[in-house]
Amino acid sequence: MEDSQNYFMAALKVLGALGLLIYGMRMMSEALQKMVGAQLRHVLGRMTSNRFMGMLTGTAVTCAVQSSSATTVITVSFVSAGLLTLGQAISVIMGANIGTTLTAWIMSLGYNVDLTAVVFPAFFVGMVLIYKKRHRYFGDFLFGVAFLFFSLVMLSTTGRELDLEHNEDVVSFFASFDTDSHWTIIIFLLIGTIITCLVQSSAAVMAITILLCSTGVLPIYLGIALVMGENIGTTATANLAALGSGTEARRAALAHLLFNVFGVLWILVVFYPFVDMVCRLVGYDPTASGQQERLPVVLAMFHTCFNVTNTAILIGFIPQMERVVCWLLPKQEQSPQEEFQLRYIQANLVQTPEIAVLQAQKEIIFFGSRVHKMFGMIKDMLSESDTANLPDLFAQVENQEDLTDQTEITIAQYLEQVSADHLSDDTKTKIREMLRIVGELESIGDSCRNMARTINRQEELSLTFGPETKERMQAMMSLCDAALGQMEQALVGRRSTLDKTECYRIDREIKEMQQQLRNVNIMSVSEQQYDYAVGTLFDDFINECGKLSNYVVNVVQARAATASEVA
């Protein structure tokens, strides 16, 4: 009875330690991403010029944030946002698999070195920094480190308390498995995969494996099989995040799965020679008893050798991997009911405010191009010689205006979700200005709809704009088209190189022409060159052009005010 209670308490300690481990890893990763969010974006965006640079970038970033899942999900987000090609993403994911081996080495250190002296000072310093707003994220990082090391200390201590190597039932259970059978290796591989998929933490599975191996009850071959399964299970995070995302994002996540599955398949072919080679590297003899203190190092070394070798084999076949995932996940044609869909924002891929802001910025650029194309439809309506086609063209404009309304609301809701996180003052400013921009872009869509309604109204009332009137309207539209072109340049370009002068010049010309055309319109109506009803429609059209110019200037000013940049 007493032994049962001891084992029950030990099990609770292990579960609690694993919970602290997962929380500590997540806290470290999120804090680092918040501290270096902008730099992380630029590193991933610029240091992927070739497959080797992409691999080194993925390795460095994963070593920094201590989470291959975080790096992979960020990479999938970048593919979704159009910042990385599929080939670049695959190279980064390969590097992430190498970078994650650092976690295994940290854990093996925790089982061989007493980290207690580091844990409590880290908790204290982290608490002090958290209360200092300026260094809050670094304090969060230290807290994460402290939780990680504290969990390793707890696992190591609990492992010694359990004394499993002297428990005949446990020893006989694991001894009942034939370690020389590939079927046994495959069974433990599947167990490792399933557990990792369930707990969504390869670090937790690695910790359990090290705990069991370090006590001497789990043979090294079975422990390595669990590590192999963990390599496959960890791909579930990115694949789950990519569900409901664009095709490119799902392809990147699938490439991660295929990469790891291929690695497991070839390692199974040479499993025993490969494991024996790793054991020799660290001076461990699998056939001898004892040496439990070397087992965590063996697991970390295997994890490293496996991922490095797998990357070395496949890095030359990235184009072929691209073709395979494109074949497995072909692009699907959208049905009319699915016409509205944001191109870059995927809410389930939000990781850090910096990345979320970047996705929103890309979506806003696309939004700007959409309203510019919508304006092009107005020009088509005005130049349409067959008035019978006007209702169809007007219906298209109305549909586009509905899409602009949905786009504004969806982007705004997305930015509101981002705002719920702890943000720096700079990021808060970015979000405020972006909310202002999407509102102005939607107003441009309203103006386009109103202009289209004016043109369509003349057909409904059996009125006609004369050649001179159309020429004046087209001259005004040419200026508005130029203004929209300047707006698009402002949305795409960098704040540091943004020149508002040309936009202001075009706006002045529009205002001057607006006043001139009002005067001409009053004169034409008074001299009975056309009906008052035609003059009213003409005046409405010119006024909408003036409003559109105001909205364009507001977008450019908001873009100049925000510090957001697009690489």
Protein backbone atom coordinates (compact mmCIF):
# COMPACT_ATOMS: atom_id res chain seq x y z
CA MET A 1 0.00 0.00 0.00
CA GLU A 2 2.82 2.37 0.93
CA ASP A 3 4.62 1.60 -2.34
CA SER A 4 1.44 2.39 -4.29
CA GLN A 5 1.14 5.75 -2.56
CA ASN A 6 4.79 6.51 -3.26
CA TYR A 7 4.38 5.70 -6.95
CA PHE A 8 1.18 7.73 -7.13
CA MET A 9 2.92 10.78 -5.64
CA ALA A 10 5.89 10.24 -7.94
CA ALA A 11 3.55 10.10 -10.93
CA LEU A 12 1.98 13.40 -9.86
CA LYS A 13 5.45 14.93 -9.53
CA VAL A 14 6.36 13.75 -13.04
CA LEU A 15 3.14 15.14 -14.50
CA GLY A 16 3.68 18.44 -12.68
CA ALA A 17 7.29 18.60 -13.85
CA LEU A 18 6.20 17.94 -17.46
CA GLY A 19 3.60 20.69 -17.15
CA LEU A 20 6.29 23.09 -15.91
CA LEU A 21 8.57 21.97 -18.73
CA ILE A 22 5.97 22.64 -21.44
CA TYR A 23 5.00 25.96 -19.87
CA GLY A 24 8.63 27.02 -19.46
CA MET A 25 9.47 26.17 -23.08
CA ARG A 26 6.41 28.06 -24.32
CA MET A 27 7.18 31.06 -22.10
CA MET A 28 10.79 31.18 -23.34
CA SER A 29 9.73 30.89 -26.97
CA GLU A 30 6.99 33.55 -26.80
CA ALA A 31 9.19 35.97 -24.86
CA LEU A 32 12.03 35.66 -27.36
CA GLN A 33 9.65 36.08 -30.29
CA LYS A 34 8.28 39.26 -28.72
CA MET A 35 11.76 40.60 -27.99
CA VAL A 36 13.11 39.96 -31.49
CA GLY A 37 9.87 39.86 -33.49
CA ALA A 38 10.89 42.47 -36.06
CA GLN A 39 14.44 41.13 -36.38
CA LEU A 40 13.07 37.60 -36.68
CA ARG A 41 10.85 38.70 -39.54
CA HIS A 42 13.74 40.33 -41.41
CA VAL A 43 16.09 37.39 -40.76
CA LEU A 44 13.61 34.88 -42.19
CA GLY A 45 12.66 37.23 -45.03
CA ARG A 46 16.18 38.12 -46.18
CA MET A 47 18.52 35.29 -45.20
CA THR A 48 16.91 32.67 -47.42
CA SER A 49 18.58 33.57 -50.71
CA ASN A 50 19.60 29.93 -51.24
CA ARG A 51 18.83 26.57 -49.66
CA PHE A 52 21.94 26.54 -47.46
CA MET A 53 21.30 30.03 -46.09
CA GLY A 54 17.69 29.04 -45.48
CA MET A 55 18.81 25.95 -43.58
CA LEU A 56 21.28 27.95 -41.45
CA THR A 57 18.59 30.57 -40.80
CA GLY A 58 16.12 27.93 -39.60
CA THR A 59 18.78 26.43 -37.35
CA ALA A 60 19.73 29.79 -35.81
CA VAL A 61 16.14 30.91 -35.26
CA THR A 62 15.14 27.60 -33.65
CA CYS A 63 18.18 27.65 -31.36
CA ALA A 64 17.12 31.17 -30.34
CA VAL A 65 13.42 30.52 -29.69
CA GLN A 66 13.97 26.91 -28.50
CA SER A 67 11.02 25.56 -30.44
CA SER A 68 11.04 23.94 -33.87
CA SER A 69 7.23 24.09 -33.82
CA ALA A 70 7.35 27.88 -33.36
CA THR A 71 9.84 28.28 -36.22
CA THR A 72 7.83 26.00 -38.47
CA VAL A 73 4.51 27.72 -37.76
CA ILE A 74 6.18 31.12 -38.33
CA THR A 75 7.58 29.82 -41.61
CA VAL A 76 4.17 28.53 -42.67
CA SER A 77 2.76 31.99 -41.81
CA PHE A 78 5.39 33.62 -44.03
CA VAL A 79 4.52 31.30 -46.91
CA SER A 80 0.86 32.18 -46.39
CA ALA A 81 1.77 35.90 -46.43
CA GLY A 82 3.78 35.49 -49.63
CA LEU A 83 7.10 36.40 -47.97
CA LEU A 84 8.75 33.03 -48.55
CA THR A 85 8.51 30.64 -51.47
CA LEU A 86 7.76 27.01 -50.81
CA GLY A 87 11.38 26.06 -51.58
CA GLN A 88 12.73 28.64 -49.14
CA ALA A 89 10.30 27.43 -46.47
CA ILE A 90 11.45 23.82 -46.88
CA SER A 91 15.07 24.82 -46.35
CA VAL A 92 14.14 26.79 -43.20
CA ILE A 93 12.16 23.80 -41.88
CA MET A 94 15.19 21.55 -42.43
CA GLY A 95 17.27 23.95 -40.36
CA ALA A 96 14.57 24.03 -37.67
CA ASN A 97 14.95 20.26 -37.26
CA ILE A 98 18.66 20.73 -36.61
CA GLY A 99 18.09 23.67 -34.26
CA THR A 100 15.66 21.70 -32.09
CA THR A 101 18.44 19.25 -31.16
CA LEU A 102 19.78 21.94 -28.81
CA THR A 103 16.77 21.24 -26.57
CA ALA A 104 17.85 17.61 -26.17
CA TRP A 105 21.36 18.72 -25.18
CA ILE A 106 19.93 21.14 -22.59
CA MET A 107 17.86 18.30 -21.13
CA SER A 108 20.80 15.91 -21.04
CA LEU A 109 22.72 18.63 -19.19
CA GLY A 110 19.86 18.91 -16.69
CA TYR A 111 20.16 15.22 -15.88
CA ASN A 112 23.94 15.36 -15.38
CA VAL A 113 24.40 18.74 -13.68
CA ASP A 114 22.65 20.14 -10.59
CA LEU A 115 20.84 23.22 -11.91
CA THR A 116 19.32 24.26 -8.59
CA ALA A 117 21.88 27.04 -8.17
CA VAL A 118 20.64 28.60 -11.44
CA VAL A 119 16.89 28.17 -10.95
CA PHE A 120 16.13 30.35 -7.94
CA PRO A 121 18.28 33.36 -8.94
CA ALA A 122 16.59 33.22 -12.38
CA PHE A 123 13.15 33.29 -10.74
CA PHE A 124 14.09 36.31 -8.61
CA VAL A 125 15.74 38.34 -11.39
CA GLY A 126 12.91 37.46 -13.78
CA MET A 127 10.28 38.67 -11.28
CA VAL A 128 12.11 41.98 -10.82
CA LEU A 129 12.39 42.54 -14.59
CA ILE A 130 8.73 41.68 -15.21
CA TYR A 131 7.70 44.55 -12.92
CA LYS A 132 9.95 46.87 -14.91
CA LYS A 133 7.87 47.50 -18.03
CA ARG A 134 10.89 48.21 -20.19
CA HIS A 135 12.43 44.76 -19.59
CA ARG A 136 9.26 42.72 -19.16
CA TYR A 137 9.88 40.32 -22.04
CA PHE A 138 13.40 39.53 -20.85
CA GLY A 139 11.92 38.82 -17.42
CA ASP A 140 9.40 36.46 -19.04
CA PHE A 141 12.29 34.74 -20.80
CA LEU A 142 14.18 34.25 -17.53
CA PHE A 143 11.04 32.88 -15.90
CA GLY A 144 10.72 30.41 -18.78
CA VAL A 145 14.35 29.35 -18.36
CA ALA A 146 13.83 28.95 -14.62
CA PHE A 147 10.69 26.82 -15.13
CA LEU A 148 12.54 24.69 -17.70
CA PHE A 149 15.52 24.02 -15.45
CA PHE A 150 13.32 23.55 -12.37
CA SER A 151 11.27 20.91 -14.21
CA LEU A 152 14.46 19.09 -15.19
CA VAL A 153 15.64 19.14 -11.57
CA MET A 154 12.25 17.75 -10.47
CA LEU A 155 12.33 15.00 -13.12
CA SER A 156 15.88 14.01 -12.24
CA THR A 157 15.09 13.94 -8.50
CA THR A 158 11.85 12.01 -9.02
CA GLY A 159 13.64 9.52 -11.25
CA ARG A 160 16.12 8.77 -8.47
CA GLU A 161 13.32 8.53 -5.90
CA LEU A 162 11.40 6.03 -8.03
CA ASP A 163 14.41 3.70 -8.10
CA LEU A 164 12.83 1.90 -11.06
CA GLU A 165 15.98 -0.11 -11.80
CA HIS A 166 15.21 -2.13 -8.64
CA ASN A 167 11.52 -2.56 -9.42
CA GLU A 168 11.24 -6.09 -10.80
CA ASP A 169 7.82 -5.55 -12.40
CA VAL A 170 8.94 -2.50 -14.38
CA VAL A 171 12.26 -4.08 -15.37
CA SER A 172 10.59 -7.30 -16.51
CA PHE A 173 7.95 -5.33 -18.47
CA PHE A 174 10.52 -3.53 -20.62
CA ALA A 175 12.72 -6.62 -20.75
CA SER A 176 9.81 -8.51 -22.35
CA PHE A 177 10.28 -6.49 -25.56
CA ASP A 178 12.71 -7.90 -28.09
CA THR A 179 15.08 -4.99 -28.77
CA ASP A 180 16.56 -6.88 -31.75
CA SER A 181 13.21 -6.86 -33.58
CA HIS A 182 12.31 -4.11 -36.03
CA TRP A 183 8.65 -4.63 -35.11
CA THR A 184 9.39 -3.61 -31.53
CA ILE A 185 11.20 -0.51 -32.76
CA ILE A 186 8.24 0.39 -34.98
CA ILE A 187 5.78 -0.07 -32.08
CA PHE A 188 7.74 2.31 -29.86
CA LEU A 189 8.14 4.71 -32.77
CA LEU A 190 4.35 4.83 -33.13
CA ILE A 191 3.96 5.29 -29.37
CA GLY A 192 6.34 8.27 -29.48
CA THR A 193 4.44 9.74 -32.44
CA ILE A 194 1.04 9.40 -30.79
CA ILE A 195 2.15 10.83 -27.44
CA THR A 196 3.81 13.82 -29.15
CA CYS A 197 0.69 14.50 -31.22
CA LEU A 198 -1.44 14.38 -28.07
CA VAL A 199 0.69 16.58 -25.81
CA GLN A 200 1.86 18.85 -28.68
CA SER A 201 5.35 18.98 -27.18
CA SER A 202 8.34 17.03 -28.44
CA ALA A 203 10.28 18.36 -25.44
CA ALA A 204 7.90 16.59 -23.04
CA VAL A 205 8.33 13.26 -24.85
CA MET A 206 12.10 13.74 -24.87
CA ALA A 207 12.00 14.41 -21.11
CA ILE A 208 10.00 11.23 -20.45
CA THR A 209 12.38 9.22 -22.61
CA ILE A 210 15.46 10.59 -20.84
CA LEU A 211 13.83 9.89 -17.47
CA LEU A 212 13.13 6.25 -18.31
CA CYS A 213 16.51 5.67 -19.95
CA SER A 214 18.48 7.36 -17.17
CA THR A 215 16.92 5.00 -14.60
CA GLY A 216 18.18 2.04 -16.64
CA VAL A 217 14.77 0.38 -17.21
CA LEU A 218 14.26 1.49 -20.83
CA PRO A 219 16.80 0.03 -23.27
CA ILE A 220 18.54 2.59 -25.41
CA TYR A 221 17.16 1.13 -28.65
CA LEU A 222 13.59 1.61 -27.46
CA GLY A 223 14.37 5.10 -26.16
CA ILE A 224 15.76 6.08 -29.55
CA ALA A 225 12.62 4.66 -31.21
CA LEU A 226 10.54 7.03 -29.05
CA VAL A 227 12.76 9.93 -30.15
CA MET A 228 12.18 8.99 -33.80
CA GLY A 229 8.43 8.99 -33.19
CA GLU A 230 8.71 12.39 -31.53
CA ASN A 231 10.31 13.71 -34.74
CA ILE A 232 7.18 12.76 -36.68
CA GLY A 233 4.70 13.80 -33.99
CA THR A 234 6.14 17.31 -33.74
CA THR A 235 5.01 18.02 -37.33
CA ALA A 236 1.39 17.87 -36.15
CA THR A 237 1.59 21.41 -34.73
CA ALA A 238 2.35 23.05 -38.08
CA ASN A 239 -0.12 20.87 -39.96
CA LEU A 240 -2.90 21.71 -37.50
CA ALA A 241 -2.03 25.41 -37.75
CA ALA A 242 -2.16 25.22 -41.54
CA LEU A 243 -5.66 23.71 -41.63
CA GLY A 244 -8.01 26.20 -43.22
CA SER A 245 -5.08 28.20 -44.57
CA GLY A 246 -4.07 28.72 -48.17
CA THR A 247 -2.68 25.95 -50.35
CA GLU A 248 0.92 27.19 -50.07
CA ALA A 249 0.80 27.15 -46.27
CA ARG A 250 -0.57 23.61 -46.22
CA ARG A 251 2.11 22.54 -48.68
CA ALA A 252 4.86 23.90 -46.41
CA ALA A 253 3.43 22.03 -43.41
CA LEU A 254 3.12 18.84 -45.48
CA ALA A 255 6.75 19.20 -46.60
CA HIS A 256 7.76 19.20 -42.92
CA LEU A 257 5.88 15.93 -42.38
CA LEU A 258 7.34 14.28 -45.50
CA PHE A 259 10.86 15.36 -44.55
CA ASN A 260 10.65 13.73 -41.13
CA VAL A 261 8.84 10.62 -42.37
CA PHE A 262 11.52 10.07 -45.02
CA GLY A 263 14.21 10.40 -42.34
CA VAL A 264 12.52 7.79 -40.14
CA LEU A 265 12.15 5.39 -43.08
CA TRP A 266 15.81 5.39 -44.04
CA ILE A 267 16.98 5.24 -40.42
CA LEU A 268 14.86 2.11 -39.90
CA VAL A 269 16.82 0.41 -42.70
CA VAL A 270 20.16 1.07 -40.96
CA PHE A 271 18.80 1.37 -37.43
CA TYR A 272 21.12 -0.89 -35.43
CA PRO A 273 24.39 0.04 -37.19
CA PHE A 274 23.50 3.74 -36.93
CA VAL A 275 22.62 3.54 -33.21
CA ASP A 276 25.78 1.55 -32.48
CA MET A 277 27.81 4.21 -34.29
CA VAL A 278 26.23 6.95 -32.14
CA CYS A 279 26.91 4.94 -28.99
CA ARG A 280 30.58 4.62 -29.95
CA LEU A 281 30.79 8.39 -30.44
CA VAL A 282 29.92 8.96 -26.77
CA GLY A 283 31.74 5.90 -25.43
CA TYR A 284 28.64 3.91 -24.48
CA ASP A 285 28.40 0.13 -24.83
CA PRO A 286 24.75 -1.01 -25.34
CA THR A 287 25.63 -4.57 -24.30
CA ALA A 288 27.16 -3.59 -20.95
CA SER A 289 25.20 -2.89 -17.78
CA GLY A 290 25.29 0.40 -15.86
CA GLN A 291 26.50 3.60 -17.57
CA GLN A 292 23.03 5.14 -17.10
CA GLU A 293 24.56 8.60 -16.74
CA ARG A 294 25.64 8.43 -20.41
CA LEU A 295 22.19 7.57 -21.76
CA PRO A 296 20.83 11.18 -21.90
CA VAL A 297 23.94 12.10 -23.90
CA VAL A 298 23.37 9.15 -26.25
CA LEU A 299 19.80 10.29 -26.91
CA ALA A 300 20.90 13.88 -27.56
CA MET A 301 23.71 12.70 -29.85
CA PHE A 302 21.36 10.43 -31.81
CA HIS A 303 18.85 13.25 -32.20
CA THR A 304 21.59 15.50 -33.56
CA CYS A 305 23.19 12.91 -35.89
CA PHE A 306 19.80 11.84 -37.23
CA ASN A 307 18.59 15.35 -38.08
CA VAL A 308 21.93 16.53 -39.48
CA THR A 309 22.27 13.44 -41.67
CA ASN A 310 18.66 13.65 -42.86
CA THR A 311 19.14 17.29 -43.81
CA ALA A 312 22.43 16.53 -45.58
CA ILE A 313 20.67 13.86 -47.66
CA LEU A 314 17.60 15.89 -48.61
CA ILE A 315 18.89 19.45 -48.95
CA GLY A 316 19.88 18.71 -52.54
CA PHE A 317 16.37 17.51 -53.37
CA ILE A 318 14.30 20.54 -52.35
CA PRO A 319 12.94 21.13 -55.92
CA GLN A 320 11.83 17.48 -56.04
CA MET A 321 10.15 17.85 -52.62
CA GLU A 322 8.34 20.92 -53.94
CA ARG A 323 7.00 18.95 -56.89
CA VAL A 324 5.85 16.11 -54.64
CA VAL A 325 3.90 18.33 -52.22
CA CYS A 326 2.43 20.31 -55.14
CA TRP A 327 1.29 17.03 -56.67
CA LEU A 328 -0.20 15.87 -53.37
CA LEU A 329 -1.88 19.24 -52.73
CA PRO A 330 -2.89 20.79 -56.07
CA LYS A 331 -4.43 24.23 -56.14
CA GLN A 332 -8.20 24.14 -56.06
CA GLU A 333 -10.45 26.44 -58.05
CA GLN A 334 -12.68 28.55 -55.86
CA SER A 335 -16.42 28.24 -56.24
CA PRO A 336 -18.46 31.46 -56.55
CA GLN A 337 -19.64 31.06 -52.96
CA GLU A 338 -16.01 31.18 -51.80
CA GLU A 339 -15.20 34.40 -53.64
CA PHE A 340 -14.49 36.35 -50.47
CA GLN A 341 -11.33 35.08 -48.86
CA LEU A 342 -8.42 37.01 -47.43
CA ARG A 343 -5.21 36.24 -49.22
CA TYR A 344 -2.57 36.69 -46.52
CA ILE A 345 -4.27 36.75 -43.12
CA GLN A 346 -4.78 33.36 -41.52
CA ALA A 347 -6.07 33.89 -37.98
CA ASN A 348 -5.02 30.41 -36.87
CA LEU A 349 -1.42 31.20 -37.81
CA VAL A 350 -1.01 34.22 -35.54
CA GLN A 351 2.20 33.83 -33.53
CA THR A 352 3.55 37.20 -32.48
CA PRO A 353 2.27 40.77 -32.89
CA GLU A 354 5.09 41.51 -35.35
CA ILE A 355 4.12 38.65 -37.65
CA ALA A 356 0.42 39.44 -37.29
CA VAL A 357 1.06 43.08 -38.21
CA LEU A 358 3.09 41.94 -41.20
CA GLN A 359 0.27 39.70 -42.44
CA ALA A 360 -2.23 42.53 -41.99
CA GLN A 361 0.07 44.91 -43.88
CA LYS A 362 0.27 42.51 -46.83
CA GLU A 363 -3.51 42.15 -46.77
CA ILE A 364 -3.94 45.92 -46.75
CA ILE A 365 -1.68 46.21 -49.81
CA PHE A 366 -3.90 43.71 -51.60
CA PHE A 367 -6.97 45.62 -50.37
CA GLY A 368 -5.55 48.80 -51.92
CA SER A 369 -5.01 47.09 -55.27
CA ARG A 370 -8.57 45.75 -55.12
CA VAL A 371 -10.17 49.19 -54.70
CA HIS A 372 -7.93 50.54 -57.49
CA LYS A 373 -9.21 47.80 -59.82
CA MET A 374 -12.72 48.62 -58.67
CA PHE A 375 -12.13 52.21 -59.80
CA GLY A 376 -11.08 50.81 -63.17
CA MET A 377 -14.57 49.34 -63.50
CA ILE A 378 -16.02 52.87 -63.18
CA LYS A 379 -13.85 53.98 -66.08
CA ASP A 380 -15.16 51.04 -68.11
CA MET A 381 -18.74 52.03 -67.30
CA LEU A 382 -18.14 55.62 -68.39
CA SER A 383 -16.53 54.60 -71.68
CA GLU A 384 -19.08 51.86 -72.42
CA SER A 385 -20.78 52.68 -75.72
CA ASP A 386 -23.53 50.05 -75.36
CA THR A 387 -25.72 51.30 -72.51
CA ALA A 388 -27.41 47.87 -72.31
CA ASN A 389 -24.25 46.57 -70.61
CA LEU A 390 -24.34 49.17 -67.84
CA PRO A 391 -26.56 47.16 -65.43
CA ASP A 392 -24.16 44.19 -65.56
CA LEU A 393 -21.12 46.41 -64.99
CA PHE A 394 -22.92 48.15 -62.13
CA ALA A 395 -23.74 44.76 -60.55
CA GLN A 396 -20.03 43.89 -60.64
CA VAL A 397 -19.16 47.14 -58.88
CA GLU A 398 -21.85 46.50 -56.26
CA ASN A 399 -20.40 43.04 -55.65
CA GLN A 400 -16.91 44.51 -55.26
CA GLU A 401 -18.22 47.06 -52.78
CA ASP A 402 -19.71 44.25 -50.68
CA LEU A 403 -16.29 42.58 -50.71
CA THR A 404 -14.60 45.77 -49.53
CA ASP A 405 -17.04 45.95 -46.61
CA GLN A 406 -16.26 42.35 -45.63
CA THR A 407 -12.52 42.91 -46.04
CA GLU A 408 -12.58 45.97 -43.78
CA ILE A 409 -14.48 44.15 -41.03
CA THR A 410 -12.32 41.00 -41.21
CA ILE A 411 -9.00 42.87 -41.12
CA ALA A 412 -10.25 45.09 -38.29
CA GLN A 413 -11.38 42.07 -36.25
CA TYR A 414 -8.02 40.40 -36.84
CA LEU A 415 -6.17 43.50 -35.62
CA GLU A 416 -8.45 43.64 -32.58
CA GLN A 417 -7.40 40.08 -31.72
CA VAL A 418 -3.76 41.11 -32.01
CA SER A 419 -4.44 44.14 -29.78
CA ALA A 420 -5.57 41.81 -27.00
CA ASP A 421 -1.95 40.73 -26.55
CA HIS A 422 0.69 42.66 -24.61
CA LEU A 423 2.04 45.10 -27.21
CA SER A 424 4.83 47.62 -27.40
CA ASP A 425 3.90 51.27 -27.96
CA ASP A 426 5.30 51.04 -31.50
CA THR A 427 3.11 48.06 -32.37
CA LYS A 428 0.05 49.77 -30.88
CA THR A 429 0.73 52.77 -33.12
CA LYS A 430 1.05 50.50 -36.16
CA ILE A 431 -2.30 48.85 -35.43
CA ARG A 432 -4.08 52.19 -34.91
CA GLU A 433 -2.80 53.52 -38.22
CA MET A 434 -3.67 50.29 -40.02
CA LEU A 435 -7.21 50.44 -38.69
CA ARG A 436 -7.42 53.98 -40.03
CA ILE A 437 -6.14 52.82 -43.43
CA VAL A 438 -8.66 49.99 -43.83
CA GLY A 439 -11.46 52.41 -42.95
CA GLU A 440 -10.29 54.86 -45.62
CA LEU A 441 -9.93 52.09 -48.21
CA GLU A 442 -13.50 50.99 -47.53
CA SER A 443 -14.60 54.62 -48.01
CA ILE A 444 -12.86 54.62 -51.40
CA GLY A 445 -14.94 51.56 -52.25
CA ASP A 446 -18.08 53.49 -51.22
CA SER A 447 -17.10 56.39 -53.48
CA CYS A 448 -16.55 54.01 -56.39
CA ARG A 449 -19.99 52.53 -55.80
CA ASN A 450 -21.56 56.00 -55.69
CA MET A 451 -19.87 56.98 -58.96
CA ALA A 452 -21.08 53.77 -60.58
CA ARG A 453 -24.57 54.46 -59.26
CA THR A 454 -24.48 57.93 -60.81
CA ILE A 455 -23.50 56.53 -64.22
CA ASN A 456 -26.14 53.81 -63.96
CA ARG A 457 -28.73 56.38 -62.85
CA GLN A 458 -28.48 58.29 -66.11
CA GLU A 459 -29.49 55.11 -67.96
CA GLU A 460 -32.41 54.48 -65.59
CA LEU A 461 -33.65 58.07 -66.08
CA SER A 462 -33.07 57.87 -69.86
CA LEU A 463 -30.53 60.69 -69.63
CA THR A 464 -27.27 60.98 -71.52
CA PHE A 465 -23.92 62.56 -70.74
CA GLY A 466 -22.81 64.44 -73.83
CA PRO A 467 -19.34 63.99 -75.39
CA GLU A 468 -17.95 67.14 -73.75
CA THR A 469 -19.36 66.15 -70.35
CA LYS A 470 -17.87 62.66 -70.63
CA GLU A 471 -14.54 64.16 -71.61
CA ARG A 472 -14.55 66.33 -68.48
CA MET A 473 -15.49 63.36 -66.31
CA GLN A 474 -12.73 61.22 -67.85
CA ALA A 475 -10.18 63.99 -67.24
CA MET A 476 -11.16 64.03 -63.57
CA MET A 477 -11.00 60.23 -63.42
CA SER A 478 -7.48 60.26 -64.90
CA LEU A 479 -6.35 62.41 -61.99
CA CYS A 480 -8.11 60.13 -59.49
CA ASP A 481 -6.48 57.12 -61.14
CA ALA A 482 -3.07 58.76 -60.70
CA ALA A 483 -3.90 59.46 -57.04
CA LEU A 484 -4.82 55.82 -56.48
CA GLY A 485 -1.55 54.82 -58.12
CA GLN A 486 0.34 57.00 -55.63
CA MET A 487 -1.63 55.41 -52.81
CA GLU A 488 -0.63 51.92 -53.93
CA GLN A 489 3.01 52.97 -54.06
CA ALA A 490 2.74 54.35 -50.53
CA LEU A 491 1.23 51.09 -49.24
CA VAL A 492 3.93 48.96 -50.84
CA GLY A 493 6.94 51.21 -50.18
CA ARG A 494 8.91 51.95 -47.05
CA ARG A 495 8.10 54.77 -44.70
CA SER A 496 11.68 56.05 -44.93
CA THR A 497 11.38 56.58 -48.69
CA LEU A 498 7.73 57.63 -48.80
CA ASP A 499 7.23 60.92 -50.70
CA LYS A 500 3.85 62.57 -50.10
CA THR A 501 4.60 65.52 -52.38
CA GLU A 502 3.22 63.98 -55.57
CA CYS A 503 0.07 62.79 -53.82
CA TYR A 504 -0.57 66.30 -52.46
CA ARG A 505 0.06 67.81 -55.90
CA ILE A 506 -2.50 65.51 -57.54
CA ASP A 507 -4.99 66.26 -54.76
CA ARG A 508 -4.62 70.01 -55.39
CA GLU A 509 -5.20 69.46 -59.11
CA ILE A 510 -8.33 67.43 -58.35
CA LYS A 511 -9.68 70.15 -56.04
CA GLU A 512 -8.95 72.87 -58.63
CA MET A 513 -10.57 70.85 -61.42
CA GLN A 514 -13.52 70.09 -59.13
CA GLN A 515 -14.15 73.82 -58.63
CA GLN A 516 -13.71 74.55 -62.33
CA LEU A 517 -16.12 71.82 -63.38
CA ARG A 518 -18.70 73.01 -60.86
CA ASN A 519 -18.57 76.45 -62.43
CA VAL A 520 -18.73 74.98 -65.95
CA ASN A 521 -21.66 72.78 -64.88
CA ILE A 522 -23.64 75.76 -63.52
CA MET A 523 -22.92 77.71 -66.71
CA SER A 524 -23.92 74.78 -68.95
CA VAL A 525 -27.21 74.26 -67.13
CA SER A 526 -28.03 77.99 -67.15
CA GLU A 527 -27.30 78.14 -70.89
CA GLN A 528 -29.43 75.01 -71.36
CA GLN A 529 -26.62 72.98 -72.91
CA TYR A 530 -28.07 70.01 -70.97
CA ASP A 531 -30.88 69.38 -68.48
CA TYR A 532 -30.70 70.25 -64.80
CA ALA A 533 -31.07 66.50 -64.00
CA VAL A 534 -27.93 65.75 -66.03
CA GLY A 535 -26.16 68.62 -64.27
CA THR A 536 -27.12 67.17 -60.88
CA LEU A 537 -25.72 63.75 -61.78
CA PHE A 538 -22.55 65.39 -63.13
CA ASP A 539 -22.14 67.40 -59.93
CA ASP A 540 -22.63 64.26 -57.78
CA PHE A 541 -19.98 62.46 -59.80
CA ILE A 542 -17.43 65.29 -59.47
CA ASN A 543 -18.08 65.58 -55.73
CA GLU A 544 -17.42 61.85 -55.27
CA CYS A 545 -14.10 62.24 -57.10
CA GLY A 546 -13.17 64.97 -54.60
CA LYS A 547 -14.13 62.72 -51.67
CA LEU A 548 -12.11 59.87 -53.14
CA SER A 549 -9.07 62.13 -53.32
CA ASN A 550 -9.52 63.04 -49.64
CA TYR A 551 -9.60 59.36 -48.70
CA VAL A 552 -6.45 58.70 -50.73
CA VAL A 553 -4.60 61.53 -48.95
CA ASN A 554 -5.74 60.10 -45.58
CA VAL A 555 -4.33 56.67 -46.51
CA VAL A 556 -0.99 58.15 -47.54
CA GLN A 557 -0.80 60.23 -44.35
CA ALA A 558 -1.62 57.20 -42.19
CA ARG A 559 0.97 55.12 -44.03
CA ALA A 560 3.57 57.84 -43.48
CA ALA A 561 2.74 57.94 -39.77
CA THR A 562 3.17 54.19 -39.12
CA ALA A 563 6.55 52.61 -38.67
CA SER A 564 5.50 49.41 -40.42
CA GLU A 565 7.70 48.41 -43.34
CA VAL A 566 7.36 45.73 -45.96
CA ALA A 567 10.49 43.89 -46.92
